[in-house]
Amino acid sequence: MGSSKRPSYRVVVADARSPRDGRFIEILGHYNPLTDPPTIRIDRARVEAWIARGAQPSNAVKRLLAHAQSER
């Protein structure tokens, strides 16, 4: 998401066989690095439900989850 020089990201659940910017199953949250401090909105209950079903978060999403947890 976002535009040139204005990044904005979605945290999504996607099948590993889907292309990187292709089809996804569900949007779990948003990350905006341009605000001060960066805005991280993630539905923690949905993330935990997907992980319980066997989903594996990427390294970037693991860092966002850890950062969001430390802000609470």
PDB file of N, CA and C in Angstrom:
ATOM      1  N   MET A   1       0.843  -1.174   0.000  1.00  0.00           N
ATOM      2  CA  MET A   1       0.000   0.000   0.000  1.00  0.00           C
ATOM      3  C   MET A   1       0.885   1.234   0.000  1.00  0.00           C
ATOM      4  N   GLY A   2       0.288   2.378   0.011  1.00  0.00           N
ATOM      5  CA  GLY A   2       1.028   3.623   0.014  1.00  0.00           C
ATOM      6  C   GLY A   2       1.312   4.078  -1.407  1.00  0.00           C
ATOM      7  N   SER A   3       2.164   5.061  -1.517  1.00  0.00           N
ATOM      8  CA  SER A   3       2.555   5.566  -2.829  1.00  0.00           C
ATOM      9  C   SER A   3       4.053   5.820  -2.815  1.00  0.00           C
ATOM     10  N   SER A   4       4.553   6.373  -3.866  1.00  0.00           N
ATOM     11  CA  SER A   4       5.987   6.619  -3.971  1.00  0.00           C
ATOM     12  C   SER A   4       6.464   7.514  -2.833  1.00  0.00           C
ATOM     13  N   LYS A   5       7.459   7.051  -2.101  1.00  0.00           N
ATOM     14  CA  LYS A   5       8.065   7.773  -0.967  1.00  0.00           C
ATOM     15  C   LYS A   5       7.127   7.936   0.234  1.00  0.00           C
ATOM     16  N   ARG A   6       5.974   7.278   0.229  1.00  0.00           N
ATOM     17  CA  ARG A   6       5.003   7.364   1.325  1.00  0.00           C
ATOM     18  C   ARG A   6       4.535   5.950   1.695  1.00  0.00           C
ATOM     19  N   PRO A   7       5.393   5.134   2.318  1.00  0.00           N
ATOM     20  CA  PRO A   7       5.020   3.741   2.588  1.00  0.00           C
ATOM     21  C   PRO A   7       3.925   3.610   3.643  1.00  0.00           C
ATOM     22  N   SER A   8       3.125   2.593   3.477  1.00  0.00           N
ATOM     23  CA  SER A   8       2.091   2.210   4.419  1.00  0.00           C
ATOM     24  C   SER A   8       1.889   0.714   4.215  1.00  0.00           C
ATOM     25  N   TYR A   9       1.737  -0.044   5.281  1.00  0.00           N
ATOM     26  CA  TYR A   9       1.704  -1.496   5.169  1.00  0.00           C
ATOM     27  C   TYR A   9       0.462  -2.084   5.817  1.00  0.00           C
ATOM     28  N   ARG A  10       0.018  -3.235   5.294  1.00  0.00           N
ATOM     29  CA  ARG A  10      -1.057  -4.013   5.893  1.00  0.00           C
ATOM     30  C   ARG A  10      -0.454  -5.302   6.417  1.00  0.00           C
ATOM     31  N   VAL A  11      -0.948  -5.767   7.542  1.00  0.00           N
ATOM     32  CA  VAL A  11      -0.579  -7.077   8.062  1.00  0.00           C
ATOM     33  C   VAL A  11      -1.706  -8.001   7.637  1.00  0.00           C
ATOM     34  N   VAL A  12      -1.378  -8.999   6.807  1.00  0.00           N
ATOM     35  CA  VAL A  12      -2.407  -9.871   6.247  1.00  0.00           C
ATOM     36  C   VAL A  12      -2.064 -11.339   6.469  1.00  0.00           C
ATOM     37  N   VAL A  13      -3.086 -12.179   6.331  1.00  0.00           N
ATOM     38  CA  VAL A  13      -2.906 -13.623   6.287  1.00  0.00           C
ATOM     39  C   VAL A  13      -2.984 -14.002   4.819  1.00  0.00           C
ATOM     40  N   ALA A  14      -1.948 -14.694   4.329  1.00  0.00           N
ATOM     41  CA  ALA A  14      -1.923 -15.099   2.928  1.00  0.00           C
ATOM     42  C   ALA A  14      -1.416 -16.528   2.825  1.00  0.00           C
ATOM     43  N   ASP A  15      -1.877 -17.217   1.820  1.00  0.00           N
ATOM     44  CA  ASP A  15      -1.385 -18.549   1.537  1.00  0.00           C
ATOM     45  C   ASP A  15       0.043 -18.421   1.008  1.00  0.00           C
ATOM     46  N   ALA A  16       0.913 -19.340   1.384  1.00  0.00           N
ATOM     47  CA  ALA A  16       2.311 -19.286   0.960  1.00  0.00           C
ATOM     48  C   ALA A  16       2.443 -19.407  -0.556  1.00  0.00           C
ATOM     49  N   ARG A  17       1.465 -19.990  -1.222  1.00  0.00           N
ATOM     50  CA  ARG A  17       1.526 -20.166  -2.671  1.00  0.00           C
ATOM     51  C   ARG A  17       1.064 -18.936  -3.433  1.00  0.00           C
ATOM     52  N   SER A  18       0.487 -17.961  -2.746  1.00  0.00           N
ATOM     53  CA  SER A  18       0.029 -16.732  -3.403  1.00  0.00           C
ATOM     54  C   SER A  18       1.215 -15.806  -3.664  1.00  0.00           C
ATOM     55  N   PRO A  19       1.143 -14.984  -4.704  1.00  0.00           N
ATOM     56  CA  PRO A  19       2.221 -14.016  -4.941  1.00  0.00           C
ATOM     57  C   PRO A  19       2.308 -13.003  -3.791  1.00  0.00           C
ATOM     58  N   ARG A  20       3.467 -12.395  -3.633  1.00  0.00           N
ATOM     59  CA  ARG A  20       3.702 -11.469  -2.527  1.00  0.00           C
ATOM     60  C   ARG A  20       2.643 -10.383  -2.440  1.00  0.00           C
ATOM     61  N   ASP A  21       2.326  -9.735  -3.532  1.00  0.00           N
ATOM     62  CA  ASP A  21       1.325  -8.665  -3.539  1.00  0.00           C
ATOM     63  C   ASP A  21      -0.023  -9.156  -4.064  1.00  0.00           C
ATOM     64  N   GLY A  22      -0.218 -10.454  -4.050  1.00  0.00           N
ATOM     65  CA  GLY A  22      -1.431 -11.029  -4.615  1.00  0.00           C
ATOM     66  C   GLY A  22      -2.535 -11.212  -3.596  1.00  0.00           C
ATOM     67  N   ARG A  23      -3.282 -12.271  -3.801  1.00  0.00           N
ATOM     68  CA  ARG A  23      -4.461 -12.550  -3.005  1.00  0.00           C
ATOM     69  C   ARG A  23      -4.106 -12.840  -1.547  1.00  0.00           C
ATOM     70  N   PHE A  24      -4.934 -12.341  -0.645  1.00  0.00           N
ATOM     71  CA  PHE A  24      -4.756 -12.617   0.775  1.00  0.00           C
ATOM     72  C   PHE A  24      -6.078 -13.079   1.356  1.00  0.00           C
ATOM     73  N   ILE A  25      -6.022 -13.664   2.558  1.00  0.00           N
ATOM     74  CA  ILE A  25      -7.205 -14.234   3.187  1.00  0.00           C
ATOM     75  C   ILE A  25      -7.900 -13.210   4.085  1.00  0.00           C
ATOM     76  N   GLU A  26      -7.122 -12.513   4.910  1.00  0.00           N
ATOM     77  CA  GLU A  26      -7.714 -11.580   5.872  1.00  0.00           C
ATOM     78  C   GLU A  26      -6.712 -10.485   6.229  1.00  0.00           C
ATOM     79  N   ILE A  27      -7.200  -9.270   6.419  1.00  0.00           N
ATOM     80  CA  ILE A  27      -6.365  -8.167   6.909  1.00  0.00           C
ATOM     81  C   ILE A  27      -6.414  -8.190   8.428  1.00  0.00           C
ATOM     82  N   LEU A  28      -5.242  -8.230   9.061  1.00  0.00           N
ATOM     83  CA  LEU A  28      -5.168  -8.282  10.521  1.00  0.00           C
ATOM     84  C   LEU A  28      -4.787  -6.951  11.143  1.00  0.00           C
ATOM     85  N   GLY A  29      -4.237  -6.051  10.356  1.00  0.00           N
ATOM     86  CA  GLY A  29      -3.844  -4.772  10.923  1.00  0.00           C
ATOM     87  C   GLY A  29      -3.139  -3.884   9.916  1.00  0.00           C
ATOM     88  N   HIS A  30      -2.631  -2.753  10.417  1.00  0.00           N
ATOM     89  CA  HIS A  30      -1.956  -1.761   9.591  1.00  0.00           C
ATOM     90  C   HIS A  30      -0.706  -1.268  10.322  1.00  0.00           C
ATOM     91  N   TYR A  31       0.288  -0.842   9.523  1.00  0.00           N
ATOM     92  CA  TYR A  31       1.510  -0.248  10.060  1.00  0.00           C
ATOM     93  C   TYR A  31       1.850   0.967   9.216  1.00  0.00           C
ATOM     94  N   ASN A  32       1.984   2.136   9.873  1.00  0.00           N
ATOM     95  CA  ASN A  32       2.345   3.373   9.189  1.00  0.00           C
ATOM     96  C   ASN A  32       3.631   3.901   9.818  1.00  0.00           C
ATOM     97  N   PRO A  33       4.773   3.753   9.123  1.00  0.00           N
ATOM     98  CA  PRO A  33       6.046   4.197   9.677  1.00  0.00           C
ATOM     99  C   PRO A  33       6.269   5.705   9.607  1.00  0.00           C
ATOM    100  N   LEU A  34       5.399   6.446   8.928  1.00  0.00           N
ATOM    101  CA  LEU A  34       5.621   7.881   8.732  1.00  0.00           C
ATOM    102  C   LEU A  34       5.138   8.738   9.893  1.00  0.00           C
ATOM    103  N   THR A  35       4.256   8.222  10.732  1.00  0.00           N
ATOM    104  CA  THR A  35       3.794   9.005  11.873  1.00  0.00           C
ATOM    105  C   THR A  35       4.857   8.989  12.962  1.00  0.00           C
ATOM    106  N   ASP A  36       4.762   9.914  13.895  1.00  0.00           N
ATOM    107  CA  ASP A  36       5.740   9.978  14.975  1.00  0.00           C
ATOM    108  C   ASP A  36       5.016   9.850  16.305  1.00  0.00           C
ATOM    109  N   PRO A  37       5.080   8.762  17.007  1.00  0.00           N
ATOM    110  CA  PRO A  37       5.775   7.509  16.707  1.00  0.00           C
ATOM    111  C   PRO A  37       5.008   6.702  15.663  1.00  0.00           C
ATOM    112  N   PRO A  38       5.668   5.702  15.029  1.00  0.00           N
ATOM    113  CA  PRO A  38       4.988   4.887  14.016  1.00  0.00           C
ATOM    114  C   PRO A  38       3.708   4.255  14.564  1.00  0.00           C
ATOM    115  N   THR A  39       2.660   4.230  13.750  1.00  0.00           N
ATOM    116  CA  THR A  39       1.375   3.685  14.151  1.00  0.00           C
ATOM    117  C   THR A  39       1.316   2.197  13.815  1.00  0.00           C
ATOM    118  N   ILE A  40       1.021   1.387  14.832  1.00  0.00           N
ATOM    119  CA  ILE A  40       0.850  -0.048  14.642  1.00  0.00           C
ATOM    120  C   ILE A  40      -0.508  -0.420  15.214  1.00  0.00           C
ATOM    121  N   ARG A  41      -1.423  -0.859  14.348  1.00  0.00           N
ATOM    122  CA  ARG A  41      -2.739  -1.330  14.783  1.00  0.00           C
ATOM    123  C   ARG A  41      -2.898  -2.767  14.319  1.00  0.00           C
ATOM    124  N   ILE A  42      -2.913  -3.708  15.260  1.00  0.00           N
ATOM    125  CA  ILE A  42      -3.025  -5.120  14.929  1.00  0.00           C
ATOM    126  C   ILE A  42      -4.072  -5.754  15.835  1.00  0.00           C
ATOM    127  N   ASP A  43      -4.965  -6.545  15.243  1.00  0.00           N
ATOM    128  CA  ASP A  43      -5.979  -7.276  15.993  1.00  0.00           C
ATOM    129  C   ASP A  43      -5.317  -8.515  16.596  1.00  0.00           C
ATOM    130  N   ARG A  44      -4.889  -8.381  17.830  1.00  0.00           N
ATOM    131  CA  ARG A  44      -4.111  -9.434  18.506  1.00  0.00           C
ATOM    132  C   ARG A  44      -4.886 -10.747  18.608  1.00  0.00           C
ATOM    133  N   ALA A  45      -6.181 -10.689  18.865  1.00  0.00           N
ATOM    134  CA  ALA A  45      -6.980 -11.911  18.994  1.00  0.00           C
ATOM    135  C   ALA A  45      -7.003 -12.690  17.682  1.00  0.00           C
ATOM    136  N   ARG A  46      -7.150 -11.987  16.564  1.00  0.00           N
ATOM    137  CA  ARG A  46      -7.165 -12.667  15.260  1.00  0.00           C
ATOM    138  C   ARG A  46      -5.795 -13.250  14.936  1.00  0.00           C
ATOM    139  N   VAL A  47      -4.719 -12.533  15.285  1.00  0.00           N
ATOM    140  CA  VAL A  47      -3.363 -13.039  15.049  1.00  0.00           C
ATOM    141  C   VAL A  47      -3.159 -14.335  15.821  1.00  0.00           C
ATOM    142  N   GLU A  48      -3.539 -14.333  17.099  1.00  0.00           N
ATOM    143  CA  GLU A  48      -3.365 -15.526  17.914  1.00  0.00           C
ATOM    144  C   GLU A  48      -4.220 -16.686  17.404  1.00  0.00           C
ATOM    145  N   ALA A  49      -5.414 -16.388  16.886  1.00  0.00           N
ATOM    146  CA  ALA A  49      -6.270 -17.432  16.326  1.00  0.00           C
ATOM    147  C   ALA A  49      -5.622 -18.055  15.088  1.00  0.00           C
ATOM    148  N   TRP A  50      -5.034 -17.239  14.227  1.00  0.00           N
ATOM    149  CA  TRP A  50      -4.385 -17.769  13.033  1.00  0.00           C
ATOM    150  C   TRP A  50      -3.127 -18.560  13.388  1.00  0.00           C
ATOM    151  N   ILE A  51      -2.368 -18.091  14.362  1.00  0.00           N
ATOM    152  CA  ILE A  51      -1.166 -18.828  14.778  1.00  0.00           C
ATOM    153  C   ILE A  51      -1.563 -20.171  15.379  1.00  0.00           C
ATOM    154  N   ALA A  52      -2.673 -20.214  16.112  1.00  0.00           N
ATOM    155  CA  ALA A  52      -3.157 -21.473  16.682  1.00  0.00           C
ATOM    156  C   ALA A  52      -3.553 -22.459  15.578  1.00  0.00           C
ATOM    157  N   ARG A  53      -3.977 -21.940  14.424  1.00  0.00           N
ATOM    158  CA  ARG A  53      -4.338 -22.797  13.291  1.00  0.00           C
ATOM    159  C   ARG A  53      -3.124 -23.240  12.487  1.00  0.00           C
ATOM    160  N   GLY A  54      -1.936 -22.724  12.828  1.00  0.00           N
ATOM    161  CA  GLY A  54      -0.725 -23.143  12.133  1.00  0.00           C
ATOM    162  C   GLY A  54      -0.081 -22.090  11.257  1.00  0.00           C
ATOM    163  N   ALA A  55      -0.619 -20.879  11.240  1.00  0.00           N
ATOM    164  CA  ALA A  55      -0.012 -19.810  10.441  1.00  0.00           C
ATOM    165  C   ALA A  55       1.339 -19.438  11.042  1.00  0.00           C
ATOM    166  N   GLN A  56       2.274 -19.080  10.186  1.00  0.00           N
ATOM    167  CA  GLN A  56       3.598 -18.688  10.633  1.00  0.00           C
ATOM    168  C   GLN A  56       3.859 -17.241  10.247  1.00  0.00           C
ATOM    169  N   PRO A  57       4.054 -16.355  11.232  1.00  0.00           N
ATOM    170  CA  PRO A  57       4.312 -14.946  10.902  1.00  0.00           C
ATOM    171  C   PRO A  57       5.701 -14.771  10.289  1.00  0.00           C
ATOM    172  N   SER A  58       5.807 -13.825   9.368  1.00  0.00           N
ATOM    173  CA  SER A  58       7.108 -13.502   8.778  1.00  0.00           C
ATOM    174  C   SER A  58       7.973 -12.811   9.830  1.00  0.00           C
ATOM    175  N   ASN A  59       9.249 -12.664   9.532  1.00  0.00           N
ATOM    176  CA  ASN A  59      10.152 -11.997  10.471  1.00  0.00           C
ATOM    177  C   ASN A  59       9.711 -10.559  10.745  1.00  0.00           C
ATOM    178  N   ALA A  60       9.263  -9.859   9.700  1.00  0.00           N
ATOM    179  CA  ALA A  60       8.823  -8.466   9.868  1.00  0.00           C
ATOM    180  C   ALA A  60       7.589  -8.399  10.767  1.00  0.00           C
ATOM    181  N   VAL A  61       6.659  -9.315  10.588  1.00  0.00           N
ATOM    182  CA  VAL A  61       5.447  -9.315  11.408  1.00  0.00           C
ATOM    183  C   VAL A  61       5.788  -9.698  12.849  1.00  0.00           C
ATOM    184  N   LYS A  62       6.735 -10.594  13.055  1.00  0.00           N
ATOM    185  CA  LYS A  62       7.169 -10.942  14.414  1.00  0.00           C
ATOM    186  C   LYS A  62       7.688  -9.701  15.134  1.00  0.00           C
ATOM    187  N   ARG A  63       8.493  -8.892  14.419  1.00  0.00           N
ATOM    188  CA  ARG A  63       9.024  -7.660  15.020  1.00  0.00           C
ATOM    189  C   ARG A  63       7.912  -6.672  15.332  1.00  0.00           C
ATOM    190  N   LEU A  64       6.946  -6.527  14.422  1.00  0.00           N
ATOM    191  CA  LEU A  64       5.821  -5.614  14.673  1.00  0.00           C
ATOM    192  C   LEU A  64       5.002  -6.073  15.875  1.00  0.00           C
ATOM    193  N   LEU A  65       4.762  -7.374  15.981  1.00  0.00           N
ATOM    194  CA  LEU A  65       4.004  -7.897  17.118  1.00  0.00           C
ATOM    195  C   LEU A  65       4.749  -7.650  18.429  1.00  0.00           C
ATOM    196  N   ALA A  66       6.049  -7.861  18.421  1.00  0.00           N
ATOM    197  CA  ALA A  66       6.848  -7.615  19.630  1.00  0.00           C
ATOM    198  C   ALA A  66       6.831  -6.140  19.998  1.00  0.00           C
ATOM    199  N   HIS A  67       6.927  -5.274  19.000  1.00  0.00           N
ATOM    200  CA  HIS A  67       6.926  -3.830  19.243  1.00  0.00           C
ATOM    201  C   HIS A  67       5.549  -3.388  19.764  1.00  0.00           C
ATOM    202  N   ALA A  68       4.490  -3.917  19.177  1.00  0.00           N
ATOM    203  CA  ALA A  68       3.131  -3.562  19.619  1.00  0.00           C
ATOM    204  C   ALA A  68       2.885  -4.061  21.042  1.00  0.00           C
ATOM    205  N   GLN A  69       3.438  -5.223  21.365  1.00  0.00           N
ATOM    206  CA  GLN A  69       3.284  -5.781  22.723  1.00  0.00           C
ATOM    207  C   GLN A  69       4.001  -4.911  23.756  1.00  0.00           C
ATOM    208  N   SER A  70       5.177  -4.399  23.401  1.00  0.00           N
ATOM    209  CA  SER A  70       5.947  -3.594  24.352  1.00  0.00           C
ATOM    210  C   SER A  70       5.314  -2.227  24.596  1.00  0.00           C
ATOM    211  N   GLU A  71       4.477  -1.750  23.674  1.00  0.00           N
ATOM    212  CA  GLU A  71       3.809  -0.452  23.837  1.00  0.00           C
ATOM    213  C   GLU A  71       2.651  -0.527  24.824  1.00  0.00           C
ATOM    214  N   ARG A  72       2.121  -1.701  25.063  1.00  0.00           N
ATOM    215  CA  ARG A  72       0.953  -1.849  25.941  1.00  0.00           C
ATOM    216  C   ARG A  72       1.318  -1.707  27.369  1.00  0.00           C
TER     217      ARG A  72
END
